[in-house]
Amino acid sequence: MEFGEFLANLRKERGFYQKEVAAYLNVTVATISNYEKGVHAPDLDTLVKLADFYDVSTDYLLQRTQCKASIRTLNKRLSSNYTISDIINTTLQLDGRNINALLDYYDLLTLRNSLRQEK
């Protein structure tokens, strides 16, 4: 999918009008329309502002990942010692055996969580 089409779909998915995005970015509605039509592309600073507005990463906007997590989310503290980024980075360093163990534990936690929600 082209960047402009992706941007328009994201805006509509989130329930915003072009004028709301334009006001946040301090640009005209025509500028937003041109981004969405693929006439122009946002510069780097605007791309970062768009990511902040939609609370996604710039990589998500550029369609380099399907992970919507924003920098704010990735830096969220899970405890005094760990952020979400810390958990991801640690996971990436695990060997195959421990990845399988982690996935088994993930399945167990997901099941446990769904059972609690049913109560």
Protein backbone atom coordinates (compact mmCIF):
# COMPACT_ATOMS: atom_id res chain seq x y z
CA MET A 1 0.00 0.00 0.00
CA GLU A 2 1.31 3.46 -0.85
CA PHE A 3 2.24 5.77 2.03
CA GLY A 4 -0.54 8.28 1.31
CA GLU A 5 -3.22 5.61 1.17
CA PHE A 6 -1.87 4.09 4.38
CA LEU A 7 -1.94 7.49 6.08
CA ALA A 8 -5.53 8.14 4.97
CA ASN A 9 -6.64 4.70 6.18
CA LEU A 10 -4.98 5.26 9.55
CA ARG A 11 -6.69 8.64 9.94
CA LYS A 12 -10.08 7.16 9.10
CA GLU A 13 -9.49 4.13 11.32
CA ARG A 14 -8.79 6.47 14.23
CA GLY A 15 -11.84 8.59 13.45
CA PHE A 16 -10.12 11.89 12.65
CA TYR A 17 -10.90 14.49 10.03
CA GLN A 18 -8.16 15.99 7.87
CA LYS A 19 -8.75 19.34 9.56
CA GLU A 20 -7.92 17.84 12.98
CA VAL A 21 -4.64 16.40 11.72
CA ALA A 22 -3.86 19.69 9.95
CA ALA A 23 -4.51 21.68 13.14
CA TYR A 24 -2.21 19.39 15.16
CA LEU A 25 0.57 19.73 12.57
CA ASN A 26 -0.11 23.44 12.04
CA VAL A 27 -0.51 22.96 8.28
CA THR A 28 -3.40 23.36 5.86
CA VAL A 29 -6.02 20.74 5.10
CA ALA A 30 -4.69 20.83 1.53
CA THR A 31 -1.29 19.70 2.82
CA ILE A 32 -2.86 16.71 4.56
CA SER A 33 -4.85 15.94 1.42
CA ASN A 34 -1.64 16.07 -0.64
CA TYR A 35 0.08 13.66 1.77
CA GLU A 36 -2.83 11.25 1.52
CA LYS A 37 -3.00 11.49 -2.28
CA GLY A 38 0.74 10.91 -2.57
CA VAL A 39 1.36 14.31 -4.17
CA HIS A 40 3.83 15.25 -1.41
CA ALA A 41 5.47 13.37 1.43
CA PRO A 42 5.96 14.78 4.92
CA ASP A 43 9.46 15.77 5.98
CA LEU A 44 11.15 13.97 8.86
CA ASP A 45 9.91 16.36 11.58
CA THR A 46 6.34 16.07 10.30
CA LEU A 47 6.61 12.29 10.12
CA VAL A 48 7.59 12.21 13.80
CA LYS A 49 4.67 14.50 14.66
CA LEU A 50 2.30 12.24 12.73
CA ALA A 51 3.60 9.23 14.66
CA ASP A 52 3.01 11.10 17.92
CA PHE A 53 -0.47 12.18 16.81
CA TYR A 54 -1.53 8.63 15.96
CA ASP A 55 0.48 7.14 18.86
CA VAL A 56 2.40 4.76 16.60
CA SER A 57 6.05 4.41 15.64
CA THR A 58 7.54 6.03 12.57
CA ASP A 59 8.42 2.52 11.38
CA TYR A 60 4.73 1.66 11.52
CA LEU A 61 3.87 4.77 9.48
CA LEU A 62 6.52 3.80 6.94
CA GLN A 63 5.08 0.27 6.87
CA ARG A 64 8.34 -1.28 8.00
CA THR A 65 6.55 -3.12 10.82
CA GLN A 66 3.05 -4.15 11.78
CA CYS A 67 3.77 -3.25 15.41
CA LYS A 68 1.85 -0.09 16.25
CA ALA A 69 3.65 0.55 19.55
CA SER A 70 4.83 4.13 19.91
CA ILE A 71 8.05 5.20 21.58
CA ARG A 72 5.95 6.30 24.55
CA THR A 73 4.55 2.77 24.81
CA LEU A 74 7.92 1.08 24.37
CA ASN A 75 9.39 3.25 27.13
CA LYS A 76 6.51 2.46 29.50
CA ARG A 77 7.69 1.11 32.82
CA LEU A 78 6.38 -2.33 33.72
CA SER A 79 8.23 -2.18 37.03
CA SER A 80 11.01 -0.14 38.57
CA ASN A 81 13.52 -2.30 36.66
CA TYR A 82 11.89 -2.97 33.30
CA THR A 83 10.34 -1.18 30.36
CA ILE A 84 8.53 -2.84 27.49
CA SER A 85 11.66 -2.23 25.39
CA ASP A 86 13.76 -4.07 27.97
CA ILE A 87 11.50 -7.13 27.69
CA ILE A 88 11.64 -7.07 23.87
CA ASN A 89 15.42 -6.66 23.79
CA THR A 90 15.92 -9.48 26.31
CA THR A 91 13.60 -11.73 24.31
CA LEU A 92 15.66 -11.11 21.17
CA GLN A 93 18.76 -12.40 22.96
CA LEU A 94 17.22 -15.73 24.01
CA ASP A 95 18.29 -18.99 22.40
CA GLY A 96 15.78 -21.30 20.69
CA ARG A 97 15.12 -23.43 23.75
CA ASN A 98 14.32 -20.43 25.90
CA ILE A 99 12.21 -18.84 23.15
CA ASN A 100 10.06 -22.00 23.14
CA ALA A 101 9.81 -21.89 26.94
CA LEU A 102 8.81 -18.22 26.78
CA LEU A 103 6.13 -18.96 24.18
CA ASP A 104 4.76 -21.78 26.34
CA TYR A 105 4.62 -19.40 29.30
CA TYR A 106 2.96 -16.76 27.12
CA ASP A 107 0.26 -19.29 26.15
CA LEU A 108 -0.25 -20.15 29.82
CA LEU A 109 -0.56 -16.49 30.85
CA THR A 110 -2.96 -15.78 27.98
CA LEU A 111 -5.16 -18.70 29.04
CA ARG A 112 -5.03 -17.64 32.69
CA ASN A 113 -5.95 -14.08 31.75
CA SER A 114 -8.91 -15.19 29.60
CA LEU A 115 -10.21 -17.41 32.41
CA ARG A 116 -10.08 -14.48 34.83
CA GLN A 117 -11.98 -12.28 32.40
CA GLU A 118 -14.75 -14.86 32.10
CA LYS A 119 -15.48 -14.72 35.85
